[in-house]
């Protein structure tokens, strides 16, 4: 039985160039968990430890049914309280907003045949059988980002402002404004990969200014 590889099925979703480009992102299904705080903190790690077991429980269930798939790359959407911090541009937000003040939604994309009821069953199994109670915070999520701009960032997360500045400039030059949450796709496993070798897609949903 051949495993479904979502990174190959949706190549345009999981690929980007080192310079800003326009893309159009269609509908997708995910398992997600939401939180707030520094990505190097305990809460973030706890959320990861809840999200992945649910994804693998779903994978096991469909493997039994003859529909195996590879659990894909981790993704994250990030935002902060604009009433508290204002609306800094893309490049300056990481410096102006403390890491502890960022909210996040961690995502793992699922095949089209994964349903909300299937995700709920997987969550129940992880909570009851594996005793990972925090997995109760995982949920099914659907999203269509639509028109977006993106760039491939190479290197440490701390150096992202340089890539974000390129996105910001591209948006200004083309009269685009934000139309959704900042989105990152972690092509490298940041728990195992040296910082200088990290590859991350930075994506911004956009719309034309009127």
N, C-alpha and C. Protein backbone atom coordinates (compact mmCIF):
# COMPACT_ATOMS: atom_id res chain seq x y z
N UNK A 1 0.85 -1.20 0.00
CA UNK A 1 0.00 0.00 0.00
C UNK A 1 0.88 1.25 0.00
N UNK A 2 0.64 2.11 -0.95
CA UNK A 2 1.42 3.34 -1.05
C UNK A 2 0.86 4.39 -0.09
N UNK A 3 1.77 5.06 0.63
CA UNK A 3 1.36 6.10 1.56
C UNK A 3 1.12 7.41 0.82
N UNK A 4 0.04 8.10 1.17
CA UNK A 4 -0.23 9.40 0.62
C UNK A 4 0.73 10.41 1.24
N UNK A 5 1.46 11.13 0.40
CA UNK A 5 2.39 12.16 0.85
C UNK A 5 1.80 13.52 0.48
N UNK A 6 1.27 14.24 1.45
CA UNK A 6 0.62 15.51 1.17
C UNK A 6 1.59 16.55 0.63
N UNK A 7 2.87 16.44 1.00
CA UNK A 7 3.84 17.41 0.49
C UNK A 7 4.07 17.24 -1.01
N UNK A 8 3.80 16.05 -1.51
CA UNK A 8 3.90 15.81 -2.95
C UNK A 8 2.58 16.08 -3.65
N UNK A 9 1.47 15.75 -2.98
CA UNK A 9 0.16 15.98 -3.58
C UNK A 9 -0.12 17.48 -3.71
N UNK A 10 0.35 18.26 -2.72
CA UNK A 10 0.12 19.70 -2.73
C UNK A 10 1.46 20.43 -2.77
N UNK A 11 2.19 20.22 -3.86
CA UNK A 11 3.54 20.77 -3.98
C UNK A 11 3.56 22.29 -3.84
N UNK A 12 2.58 22.97 -4.44
CA UNK A 12 2.58 24.43 -4.38
C UNK A 12 2.31 24.94 -2.97
N UNK A 13 1.65 24.14 -2.14
CA UNK A 13 1.36 24.53 -0.76
C UNK A 13 2.62 24.46 0.10
N UNK A 14 3.45 23.46 -0.18
CA UNK A 14 4.63 23.21 0.63
C UNK A 14 5.93 23.69 -0.02
N UNK A 15 5.85 24.61 -0.95
CA UNK A 15 7.06 25.12 -1.59
C UNK A 15 6.98 26.63 -1.74
N UNK A 16 8.14 27.28 -1.72
CA UNK A 16 8.21 28.72 -1.88
C UNK A 16 9.59 29.07 -2.42
N UNK A 17 9.73 30.31 -2.86
CA UNK A 17 10.98 30.80 -3.42
C UNK A 17 11.63 31.80 -2.47
N UNK A 18 12.94 32.05 -2.62
CA UNK A 18 13.62 33.00 -1.72
C UNK A 18 13.23 34.46 -1.94
N UNK A 19 12.37 34.73 -2.92
CA UNK A 19 11.86 36.07 -3.17
C UNK A 19 10.33 36.04 -3.08
N UNK A 20 9.69 37.16 -2.73
CA UNK A 20 8.23 37.17 -2.58
C UNK A 20 7.51 36.75 -3.85
N UNK A 21 6.41 36.02 -3.67
CA UNK A 21 5.61 35.57 -4.80
C UNK A 21 4.15 35.50 -4.39
N UNK A 22 3.28 35.62 -5.39
CA UNK A 22 1.85 35.48 -5.17
C UNK A 22 1.44 34.02 -5.31
N UNK A 23 0.57 33.56 -4.43
CA UNK A 23 0.01 32.21 -4.53
C UNK A 23 -1.47 32.28 -4.19
N UNK A 24 -2.20 31.25 -4.54
CA UNK A 24 -3.61 31.15 -4.18
C UNK A 24 -3.83 29.82 -3.48
N UNK A 25 -4.13 29.86 -2.20
CA UNK A 25 -4.20 28.66 -1.36
C UNK A 25 -5.65 28.20 -1.22
N UNK A 26 -5.92 26.99 -1.66
CA UNK A 26 -7.26 26.44 -1.62
C UNK A 26 -7.65 25.89 -0.26
N UNK A 27 -8.83 25.28 -0.17
CA UNK A 27 -9.32 24.75 1.11
C UNK A 27 -8.48 23.58 1.60
N UNK A 28 -8.37 23.47 2.91
CA UNK A 28 -7.60 22.39 3.51
C UNK A 28 -8.17 22.04 4.88
N UNK A 29 -7.90 20.80 5.31
CA UNK A 29 -8.34 20.33 6.61
C UNK A 29 -7.13 20.06 7.50
N UNK A 30 -7.29 20.32 8.78
CA UNK A 30 -6.17 20.21 9.72
C UNK A 30 -6.65 19.64 11.06
N UNK A 31 -5.67 19.20 11.85
CA UNK A 31 -5.85 19.10 13.29
C UNK A 31 -5.03 20.23 13.88
N UNK A 32 -5.58 20.92 14.88
CA UNK A 32 -4.91 22.11 15.42
C UNK A 32 -5.01 22.14 16.93
N UNK A 33 -4.12 22.94 17.51
CA UNK A 33 -4.20 23.26 18.93
C UNK A 33 -3.75 24.70 19.08
N UNK A 34 -4.40 25.45 19.96
CA UNK A 34 -4.10 26.87 20.12
C UNK A 34 -3.51 27.14 21.50
N UNK A 35 -2.67 28.17 21.55
CA UNK A 35 -2.04 28.54 22.81
C UNK A 35 -1.45 29.92 22.73
N UNK A 36 -0.68 30.26 23.75
CA UNK A 36 -0.04 31.58 23.82
C UNK A 36 1.26 31.43 24.58
N UNK A 37 2.32 32.09 24.07
CA UNK A 37 3.57 32.07 24.81
C UNK A 37 4.79 31.83 23.95
N UNK A 38 5.92 31.91 24.58
CA UNK A 38 7.21 31.74 23.94
C UNK A 38 7.33 30.33 23.34
N UNK A 39 7.72 30.22 22.06
CA UNK A 39 7.86 28.89 21.44
C UNK A 39 8.90 28.00 22.12
N UNK A 40 9.80 28.60 22.89
CA UNK A 40 10.78 27.80 23.61
C UNK A 40 10.29 27.41 25.01
N UNK A 41 9.05 27.78 25.33
CA UNK A 41 8.52 27.53 26.65
C UNK A 41 7.85 26.17 26.81
N UNK A 42 7.48 25.88 28.04
CA UNK A 42 6.90 24.57 28.37
C UNK A 42 5.51 24.39 27.77
N UNK A 43 4.71 25.47 27.74
CA UNK A 43 3.35 25.37 27.22
C UNK A 43 3.34 25.00 25.74
N UNK A 44 4.25 25.60 24.99
CA UNK A 44 4.35 25.29 23.56
C UNK A 44 4.73 23.83 23.36
N UNK A 45 5.71 23.35 24.13
CA UNK A 45 6.14 21.96 24.03
C UNK A 45 5.00 21.01 24.39
N UNK A 46 4.22 21.36 25.40
CA UNK A 46 3.08 20.55 25.81
C UNK A 46 2.04 20.46 24.70
N UNK A 47 1.83 21.58 24.01
CA UNK A 47 0.88 21.59 22.90
C UNK A 47 1.34 20.68 21.76
N UNK A 48 2.63 20.73 21.46
CA UNK A 48 3.17 19.84 20.42
C UNK A 48 2.99 18.38 20.82
N UNK A 49 3.22 18.09 22.10
CA UNK A 49 3.12 16.72 22.58
C UNK A 49 1.67 16.21 22.58
N UNK A 50 0.71 17.13 22.48
CA UNK A 50 -0.69 16.74 22.38
C UNK A 50 -1.12 16.60 20.93
N UNK A 51 -0.60 17.48 20.07
CA UNK A 51 -1.05 17.52 18.68
C UNK A 51 -0.59 16.30 17.88
N UNK A 52 0.67 15.95 17.99
CA UNK A 52 1.20 14.87 17.16
C UNK A 52 0.57 13.51 17.46
N UNK A 53 0.35 13.14 18.72
CA UNK A 53 -0.30 11.85 18.97
C UNK A 53 -1.69 11.73 18.35
N UNK A 54 -2.43 12.84 18.30
CA UNK A 54 -3.75 12.81 17.65
C UNK A 54 -3.59 12.55 16.16
N UNK A 55 -2.63 13.23 15.54
CA UNK A 55 -2.39 13.03 14.11
C UNK A 55 -2.00 11.58 13.81
N UNK A 56 -1.18 11.00 14.67
CA UNK A 56 -0.77 9.61 14.44
C UNK A 56 -1.89 8.62 14.74
N UNK A 57 -2.78 8.97 15.66
CA UNK A 57 -3.95 8.12 15.90
C UNK A 57 -4.86 8.11 14.67
N UNK A 58 -5.00 9.26 14.02
CA UNK A 58 -5.78 9.34 12.78
C UNK A 58 -5.10 8.52 11.69
N UNK A 59 -3.79 8.66 11.59
CA UNK A 59 -3.03 7.91 10.60
C UNK A 59 -3.22 6.41 10.79
N UNK A 60 -3.14 5.93 12.03
CA UNK A 60 -3.30 4.50 12.32
C UNK A 60 -4.69 4.02 11.93
N UNK A 61 -5.70 4.82 12.25
CA UNK A 61 -7.08 4.44 11.94
C UNK A 61 -7.27 4.25 10.44
N UNK A 62 -6.78 5.19 9.64
CA UNK A 62 -6.97 5.09 8.20
C UNK A 62 -6.04 4.06 7.56
N UNK A 63 -4.92 3.79 8.22
CA UNK A 63 -4.04 2.73 7.73
C UNK A 63 -4.76 1.39 7.77
N UNK A 64 -5.52 1.16 8.84
CA UNK A 64 -6.31 -0.07 8.96
C UNK A 64 -7.34 -0.16 7.84
N UNK A 65 -7.83 0.98 7.40
CA UNK A 65 -8.83 1.02 6.33
C UNK A 65 -8.21 1.02 4.94
N UNK A 66 -6.88 0.95 4.89
CA UNK A 66 -6.19 0.91 3.60
C UNK A 66 -5.92 2.27 3.01
N UNK A 67 -5.91 3.33 3.83
CA UNK A 67 -5.65 4.69 3.36
C UNK A 67 -4.55 5.33 4.20
N UNK A 68 -3.36 4.82 4.09
CA UNK A 68 -2.26 5.32 4.91
C UNK A 68 -1.75 6.65 4.35
N UNK A 69 -1.23 7.49 5.24
CA UNK A 69 -0.64 8.76 4.80
C UNK A 69 0.52 9.13 5.71
N UNK A 70 1.38 10.00 5.21
CA UNK A 70 2.52 10.50 5.98
C UNK A 70 2.08 11.76 6.72
N UNK A 71 2.28 11.79 8.03
CA UNK A 71 1.98 13.01 8.79
C UNK A 71 2.90 14.12 8.29
N UNK A 72 2.34 15.24 7.80
CA UNK A 72 3.15 16.24 7.11
C UNK A 72 3.85 17.23 8.05
N UNK A 73 4.36 18.29 7.45
CA UNK A 73 5.13 19.30 8.17
C UNK A 73 4.26 20.08 9.14
N UNK A 74 4.86 20.44 10.27
CA UNK A 74 4.19 21.29 11.24
C UNK A 74 4.03 22.70 10.67
N UNK A 75 2.91 23.33 11.02
CA UNK A 75 2.65 24.72 10.62
C UNK A 75 2.22 25.52 11.83
N UNK A 76 2.31 26.84 11.71
CA UNK A 76 1.86 27.70 12.79
C UNK A 76 1.28 29.00 12.26
N UNK A 77 0.19 29.43 12.86
CA UNK A 77 -0.34 30.77 12.62
C UNK A 77 -0.11 31.58 13.88
N UNK A 78 0.25 32.87 13.70
CA UNK A 78 0.67 33.69 14.83
C UNK A 78 -0.05 35.03 14.81
N UNK A 79 -0.43 35.52 16.00
CA UNK A 79 -1.05 36.83 16.11
C UNK A 79 -0.84 37.38 17.52
N UNK A 80 -1.17 38.67 17.69
CA UNK A 80 -1.00 39.32 18.99
C UNK A 80 -2.13 40.32 19.19
N UNK A 81 -2.23 40.88 20.39
CA UNK A 81 -3.27 41.82 20.76
C UNK A 81 -2.96 43.19 20.15
N UNK A 82 -3.68 43.56 19.09
CA UNK A 82 -3.40 44.83 18.42
C UNK A 82 -3.85 46.02 19.24
N UNK A 83 -4.82 45.85 20.12
CA UNK A 83 -5.20 46.95 21.00
C UNK A 83 -4.07 47.29 21.97
N UNK A 84 -3.31 46.29 22.32
CA UNK A 84 -2.22 46.48 23.28
C UNK A 84 -0.93 46.94 22.61
N UNK A 85 -0.64 46.38 21.41
CA UNK A 85 0.65 46.65 20.77
C UNK A 85 0.54 47.46 19.48
N UNK A 86 -0.69 47.85 19.10
CA UNK A 86 -0.84 48.59 17.86
C UNK A 86 -0.72 47.66 16.66
N UNK A 87 -0.33 48.24 15.52
CA UNK A 87 -0.21 47.47 14.29
C UNK A 87 1.16 47.67 13.65
N UNK A 88 2.22 47.17 14.28
CA UNK A 88 3.55 47.27 13.67
C UNK A 88 3.60 46.49 12.37
N UNK A 89 4.48 46.92 11.45
CA UNK A 89 4.56 46.21 10.17
C UNK A 89 5.19 44.84 10.37
N UNK A 90 5.18 44.04 9.30
CA UNK A 90 5.65 42.66 9.37
C UNK A 90 7.05 42.55 9.96
N UNK A 91 7.95 43.40 9.48
CA UNK A 91 9.36 43.26 9.86
C UNK A 91 9.62 43.67 11.30
N UNK A 92 8.86 44.65 11.81
CA UNK A 92 9.15 45.16 13.14
C UNK A 92 8.36 44.47 14.25
N UNK A 93 7.28 43.75 13.89
CA UNK A 93 6.46 43.09 14.91
C UNK A 93 7.24 42.13 15.80
N UNK A 94 8.16 41.30 15.24
CA UNK A 94 8.88 40.37 16.13
C UNK A 94 9.70 41.07 17.21
N UNK A 95 10.16 42.29 16.92
CA UNK A 95 10.97 43.02 17.90
C UNK A 95 10.10 43.80 18.88
N UNK A 96 8.93 44.27 18.42
CA UNK A 96 8.08 45.12 19.25
C UNK A 96 7.14 44.33 20.15
N UNK A 97 6.83 43.11 19.78
CA UNK A 97 5.91 42.29 20.58
C UNK A 97 6.70 41.18 21.25
N UNK A 98 6.77 41.14 22.58
CA UNK A 98 7.51 40.07 23.27
C UNK A 98 7.01 38.69 22.86
N UNK A 99 7.90 37.75 22.81
CA UNK A 99 7.53 36.39 22.39
C UNK A 99 6.45 35.80 23.29
N UNK A 100 6.44 36.20 24.54
CA UNK A 100 5.45 35.67 25.48
C UNK A 100 4.05 36.17 25.19
N UNK A 101 3.94 37.22 24.36
CA UNK A 101 2.64 37.83 24.06
C UNK A 101 2.03 37.34 22.75
N UNK A 102 2.71 36.47 22.06
CA UNK A 102 2.18 35.96 20.79
C UNK A 102 1.24 34.78 21.04
N UNK A 103 0.09 34.82 20.40
CA UNK A 103 -0.81 33.66 20.38
C UNK A 103 -0.52 32.83 19.14
N UNK A 104 -0.82 31.55 19.21
CA UNK A 104 -0.50 30.69 18.06
C UNK A 104 -1.57 29.62 17.88
N UNK A 105 -1.62 29.17 16.66
CA UNK A 105 -2.41 27.98 16.30
C UNK A 105 -1.47 27.04 15.57
N UNK A 106 -1.16 25.91 16.16
CA UNK A 106 -0.31 24.91 15.54
C UNK A 106 -1.18 23.98 14.70
N UNK A 107 -0.73 23.70 13.48
CA UNK A 107 -1.54 22.93 12.54
C UNK A 107 -0.77 21.78 11.93
N UNK A 108 -1.47 20.69 11.68
CA UNK A 108 -0.97 19.58 10.86
C UNK A 108 -2.04 19.30 9.82
N UNK A 109 -1.68 19.44 8.55
CA UNK A 109 -2.67 19.22 7.49
C UNK A 109 -3.04 17.75 7.42
N UNK A 110 -4.31 17.49 7.12
CA UNK A 110 -4.83 16.14 7.01
C UNK A 110 -5.34 15.88 5.59
N UNK A 111 -5.41 14.63 5.18
CA UNK A 111 -6.01 14.30 3.88
C UNK A 111 -7.48 14.74 3.82
N UNK A 112 -7.99 14.88 2.61
CA UNK A 112 -9.35 15.38 2.42
C UNK A 112 -10.41 14.46 3.02
N UNK A 113 -10.06 13.17 3.20
CA UNK A 113 -11.06 12.24 3.71
C UNK A 113 -11.15 12.22 5.24
N UNK A 114 -10.32 12.97 5.92
CA UNK A 114 -10.39 13.04 7.38
C UNK A 114 -11.51 14.01 7.77
N UNK A 115 -12.43 13.54 8.59
CA UNK A 115 -13.60 14.33 8.98
C UNK A 115 -13.51 14.77 10.44
N UNK A 116 -14.39 15.68 10.80
CA UNK A 116 -14.41 16.17 12.18
C UNK A 116 -14.72 15.04 13.15
N UNK A 117 -15.66 14.17 12.80
CA UNK A 117 -16.00 13.06 13.69
C UNK A 117 -14.82 12.11 13.86
N UNK A 118 -14.06 11.90 12.78
CA UNK A 118 -12.87 11.05 12.87
C UNK A 118 -11.82 11.63 13.79
N UNK A 119 -11.65 12.94 13.72
CA UNK A 119 -10.68 13.62 14.60
C UNK A 119 -11.13 13.51 16.05
N UNK A 120 -12.42 13.68 16.30
CA UNK A 120 -12.93 13.58 17.67
C UNK A 120 -12.70 12.19 18.26
N UNK A 121 -12.86 11.15 17.43
CA UNK A 121 -12.61 9.79 17.90
C UNK A 121 -11.13 9.58 18.24
N UNK A 122 -10.26 10.16 17.40
CA UNK A 122 -8.82 10.05 17.65
C UNK A 122 -8.44 10.76 18.95
N UNK A 123 -9.03 11.92 19.18
CA UNK A 123 -8.76 12.66 20.42
C UNK A 123 -9.20 11.84 21.63
N UNK A 124 -10.38 11.25 21.57
CA UNK A 124 -10.89 10.44 22.67
C UNK A 124 -9.94 9.27 22.96
N UNK A 125 -9.42 8.66 21.90
CA UNK A 125 -8.51 7.53 22.08
C UNK A 125 -7.21 7.96 22.74
N UNK A 126 -6.64 9.09 22.29
CA UNK A 126 -5.39 9.56 22.85
C UNK A 126 -5.56 9.94 24.33
N UNK A 127 -6.70 10.55 24.64
CA UNK A 127 -6.95 10.96 26.02
C UNK A 127 -7.18 9.74 26.91
N UNK A 128 -7.99 8.79 26.45
CA UNK A 128 -8.38 7.66 27.30
C UNK A 128 -7.32 6.57 27.37
N UNK A 129 -6.72 6.23 26.23
CA UNK A 129 -5.78 5.11 26.20
C UNK A 129 -4.33 5.53 26.48
N UNK A 130 -3.93 6.68 25.97
CA UNK A 130 -2.55 7.13 26.17
C UNK A 130 -2.42 8.11 27.33
N UNK A 131 -3.56 8.45 27.92
CA UNK A 131 -3.59 9.31 29.11
C UNK A 131 -2.95 10.67 28.86
N UNK A 132 -3.01 11.14 27.63
CA UNK A 132 -2.53 12.48 27.32
C UNK A 132 -3.74 13.42 27.39
N UNK A 133 -4.02 13.91 28.58
CA UNK A 133 -5.24 14.67 28.82
C UNK A 133 -5.25 15.98 28.04
N UNK A 134 -4.09 16.54 27.78
CA UNK A 134 -4.01 17.82 27.07
C UNK A 134 -4.49 17.69 25.62
N UNK A 135 -4.54 16.46 25.11
CA UNK A 135 -5.00 16.25 23.74
C UNK A 135 -6.47 16.63 23.58
N UNK A 136 -7.18 16.80 24.68
CA UNK A 136 -8.58 17.23 24.60
C UNK A 136 -8.69 18.63 24.01
N UNK A 137 -7.59 19.37 23.98
CA UNK A 137 -7.59 20.72 23.42
C UNK A 137 -7.36 20.73 21.91
N UNK A 138 -7.06 19.59 21.33
CA UNK A 138 -6.89 19.49 19.87
C UNK A 138 -8.28 19.50 19.22
N UNK A 139 -8.37 20.06 18.01
CA UNK A 139 -9.65 20.07 17.32
C UNK A 139 -9.46 20.01 15.81
N UNK A 140 -10.53 19.68 15.14
CA UNK A 140 -10.59 19.70 13.68
C UNK A 140 -10.75 21.14 13.22
N UNK A 141 -10.11 21.48 12.07
CA UNK A 141 -10.14 22.87 11.59
C UNK A 141 -10.08 22.87 10.08
N UNK A 142 -10.89 23.71 9.47
CA UNK A 142 -10.87 23.89 8.03
C UNK A 142 -10.53 25.34 7.70
N UNK A 143 -9.76 25.55 6.63
CA UNK A 143 -9.30 26.89 6.29
C UNK A 143 -9.07 27.01 4.79
N UNK A 144 -9.45 28.17 4.25
CA UNK A 144 -9.11 28.54 2.88
C UNK A 144 -8.45 29.90 2.94
N UNK A 145 -7.14 29.96 2.75
CA UNK A 145 -6.44 31.24 2.85
C UNK A 145 -6.63 32.11 1.62
N UNK A 146 -6.77 31.48 0.46
CA UNK A 146 -6.97 32.25 -0.75
C UNK A 146 -5.71 32.98 -1.19
N UNK A 147 -5.85 34.17 -1.81
CA UNK A 147 -4.68 34.91 -2.30
C UNK A 147 -3.72 35.24 -1.15
N UNK A 148 -2.45 34.96 -1.36
CA UNK A 148 -1.43 35.16 -0.33
C UNK A 148 -0.11 35.54 -0.99
N UNK A 149 0.77 36.14 -0.20
CA UNK A 149 2.15 36.33 -0.62
C UNK A 149 3.02 35.50 0.31
N UNK A 150 4.11 34.98 -0.21
CA UNK A 150 4.96 34.13 0.61
C UNK A 150 6.42 34.24 0.18
N UNK A 151 7.28 33.75 1.05
CA UNK A 151 8.71 33.74 0.78
C UNK A 151 9.33 32.58 1.54
N UNK A 152 10.40 32.01 1.02
CA UNK A 152 11.14 30.96 1.72
C UNK A 152 12.23 31.62 2.54
N UNK A 153 12.15 31.44 3.85
CA UNK A 153 13.18 31.98 4.75
C UNK A 153 14.19 30.88 5.06
N UNK A 154 15.45 31.20 4.86
CA UNK A 154 16.54 30.27 5.14
C UNK A 154 17.31 30.75 6.36
N UNK A 155 17.41 29.91 7.38
CA UNK A 155 18.18 30.28 8.55
C UNK A 155 17.33 30.38 9.81
N UNK A 156 17.91 31.02 10.83
CA UNK A 156 17.32 31.07 12.16
C UNK A 156 16.02 31.88 12.18
N UNK A 157 15.12 31.51 13.10
CA UNK A 157 13.88 32.26 13.26
C UNK A 157 14.16 33.71 13.64
N UNK A 158 15.24 33.94 14.40
CA UNK A 158 15.58 35.30 14.82
C UNK A 158 15.91 36.20 13.64
N UNK A 159 16.24 35.61 12.50
CA UNK A 159 16.58 36.40 11.31
C UNK A 159 15.39 36.59 10.37
N UNK A 160 14.21 36.14 10.78
CA UNK A 160 13.03 36.27 9.92
C UNK A 160 12.69 37.72 9.54
N UNK A 161 12.95 38.73 10.39
CA UNK A 161 12.59 40.10 10.00
C UNK A 161 13.13 40.54 8.63
N UNK A 162 14.28 40.03 8.23
CA UNK A 162 14.83 40.40 6.92
C UNK A 162 13.93 39.87 5.80
N UNK A 163 13.45 38.64 5.95
CA UNK A 163 12.53 38.07 4.95
C UNK A 163 11.15 38.72 5.03
N UNK A 164 10.72 39.03 6.25
CA UNK A 164 9.43 39.69 6.42
C UNK A 164 9.43 41.08 5.83
N UNK A 165 10.59 41.76 5.88
CA UNK A 165 10.70 43.08 5.27
C UNK A 165 10.51 42.99 3.76
N UNK A 166 11.01 41.93 3.15
CA UNK A 166 10.81 41.74 1.71
C UNK A 166 9.34 41.55 1.39
N UNK A 167 8.64 40.77 2.23
CA UNK A 167 7.21 40.59 2.03
C UNK A 167 6.46 41.91 2.21
N UNK A 168 6.83 42.66 3.23
CA UNK A 168 6.19 43.94 3.51
C UNK A 168 6.36 44.90 2.33
N UNK A 169 7.56 44.97 1.80
CA UNK A 169 7.83 45.85 0.67
C UNK A 169 7.03 45.41 -0.56
N UNK A 170 6.98 44.10 -0.80
CA UNK A 170 6.23 43.57 -1.94
C UNK A 170 4.74 43.92 -1.81
N UNK A 171 4.21 43.81 -0.59
CA UNK A 171 2.81 44.13 -0.39
C UNK A 171 2.54 45.61 -0.62
N UNK A 172 3.42 46.47 -0.15
CA UNK A 172 3.25 47.90 -0.36
C UNK A 172 3.31 48.26 -1.84
N UNK A 173 4.27 47.68 -2.55
CA UNK A 173 4.45 48.00 -3.96
C UNK A 173 3.26 47.56 -4.80
N UNK A 174 2.55 46.52 -4.34
CA UNK A 174 1.43 45.98 -5.11
C UNK A 174 0.06 46.34 -4.51
N UNK A 175 0.08 47.25 -3.53
CA UNK A 175 -1.16 47.75 -2.94
C UNK A 175 -1.98 46.66 -2.26
N UNK A 176 -1.28 45.75 -1.57
CA UNK A 176 -1.93 44.68 -0.83
C UNK A 176 -1.99 45.03 0.65
N UNK A 177 -2.99 44.50 1.33
CA UNK A 177 -3.06 44.60 2.78
C UNK A 177 -3.36 43.21 3.36
N UNK A 178 -3.22 43.07 4.66
CA UNK A 178 -3.40 41.77 5.31
C UNK A 178 -4.85 41.32 5.25
N UNK A 179 -5.03 40.00 5.13
CA UNK A 179 -6.38 39.44 5.08
C UNK A 179 -6.42 38.11 5.83
N UNK A 180 -5.67 38.04 6.92
CA UNK A 180 -5.61 36.80 7.69
C UNK A 180 -4.40 36.79 8.60
N UNK A 181 -4.14 35.65 9.20
CA UNK A 181 -3.05 35.52 10.16
C UNK A 181 -1.72 35.18 9.49
N UNK A 182 -0.65 35.67 10.10
CA UNK A 182 0.70 35.28 9.66
C UNK A 182 0.83 33.77 9.77
N UNK A 183 1.35 33.15 8.73
CA UNK A 183 1.37 31.69 8.62
C UNK A 183 2.78 31.23 8.32
N UNK A 184 3.25 30.26 9.07
CA UNK A 184 4.58 29.68 8.85
C UNK A 184 4.46 28.17 8.65
N UNK A 185 5.21 27.65 7.69
CA UNK A 185 5.29 26.21 7.46
C UNK A 185 6.73 25.79 7.69
N UNK A 186 6.94 24.88 8.64
CA UNK A 186 8.29 24.50 9.05
C UNK A 186 8.75 23.29 8.24
N UNK A 187 9.45 23.59 7.16
CA UNK A 187 9.93 22.52 6.29
C UNK A 187 11.02 21.70 6.97
N UNK A 188 11.67 22.28 7.97
CA UNK A 188 12.68 21.58 8.75
C UNK A 188 12.13 21.33 10.16
N UNK A 189 12.57 20.26 10.78
CA UNK A 189 12.20 19.98 12.16
C UNK A 189 13.10 20.83 13.05
N UNK A 190 12.56 21.92 13.61
CA UNK A 190 13.40 22.85 14.37
C UNK A 190 13.88 22.26 15.69
N UNK A 191 13.37 21.09 16.06
CA UNK A 191 13.85 20.43 17.27
C UNK A 191 15.15 19.68 17.02
N UNK A 192 15.46 19.42 15.75
CA UNK A 192 16.62 18.59 15.41
C UNK A 192 17.61 19.28 14.45
N UNK A 193 17.15 20.32 13.76
CA UNK A 193 17.95 20.94 12.70
C UNK A 193 18.72 22.14 13.22
N UNK A 194 20.02 22.27 12.89
CA UNK A 194 20.77 23.47 13.28
C UNK A 194 20.11 24.73 12.73
N UNK A 195 20.14 25.82 13.48
CA UNK A 195 19.43 27.04 13.09
C UNK A 195 19.79 27.52 11.69
N UNK A 196 21.06 27.45 11.33
CA UNK A 196 21.48 28.00 10.04
C UNK A 196 20.97 27.17 8.86
N UNK A 197 20.43 25.99 9.14
CA UNK A 197 19.93 25.12 8.07
C UNK A 197 18.41 25.06 8.02
N UNK A 198 17.74 25.82 8.84
CA UNK A 198 16.27 25.80 8.86
C UNK A 198 15.69 26.38 7.57
N UNK A 199 14.58 25.78 7.14
CA UNK A 199 13.83 26.28 5.98
C UNK A 199 12.39 26.47 6.42
N UNK A 200 11.88 27.70 6.24
CA UNK A 200 10.55 28.04 6.70
C UNK A 200 9.81 28.86 5.65
N UNK A 201 8.60 28.46 5.32
CA UNK A 201 7.76 29.27 4.43
C UNK A 201 7.04 30.30 5.29
N UNK A 202 7.17 31.57 4.92
CA UNK A 202 6.46 32.67 5.58
C UNK A 202 5.35 33.12 4.63
N UNK A 203 4.11 33.05 5.07
CA UNK A 203 2.97 33.31 4.18
C UNK A 203 2.03 34.32 4.82
N UNK A 204 1.53 35.25 4.02
CA UNK A 204 0.59 36.27 4.45
C UNK A 204 -0.63 36.31 3.54
N UNK A 205 -1.82 35.95 4.02
CA UNK A 205 -3.03 36.13 3.22
C UNK A 205 -3.24 37.62 2.93
N UNK A 206 -3.64 37.98 1.73
CA UNK A 206 -3.72 39.39 1.35
C UNK A 206 -5.00 39.70 0.58
N UNK A 207 -5.29 40.98 0.47
CA UNK A 207 -6.33 41.50 -0.42
C UNK A 207 -5.88 42.85 -0.91
N UNK A 208 -6.47 43.32 -1.99
CA UNK A 208 -6.14 44.63 -2.53
C UNK A 208 -6.71 45.74 -1.65
N UNK A 209 -5.92 46.79 -1.43
CA UNK A 209 -6.44 47.97 -0.76
C UNK A 209 -7.45 48.65 -1.65
N UNK A 210 -8.51 49.18 -1.06
CA UNK A 210 -9.52 49.89 -1.86
C UNK A 210 -9.59 51.35 -1.45
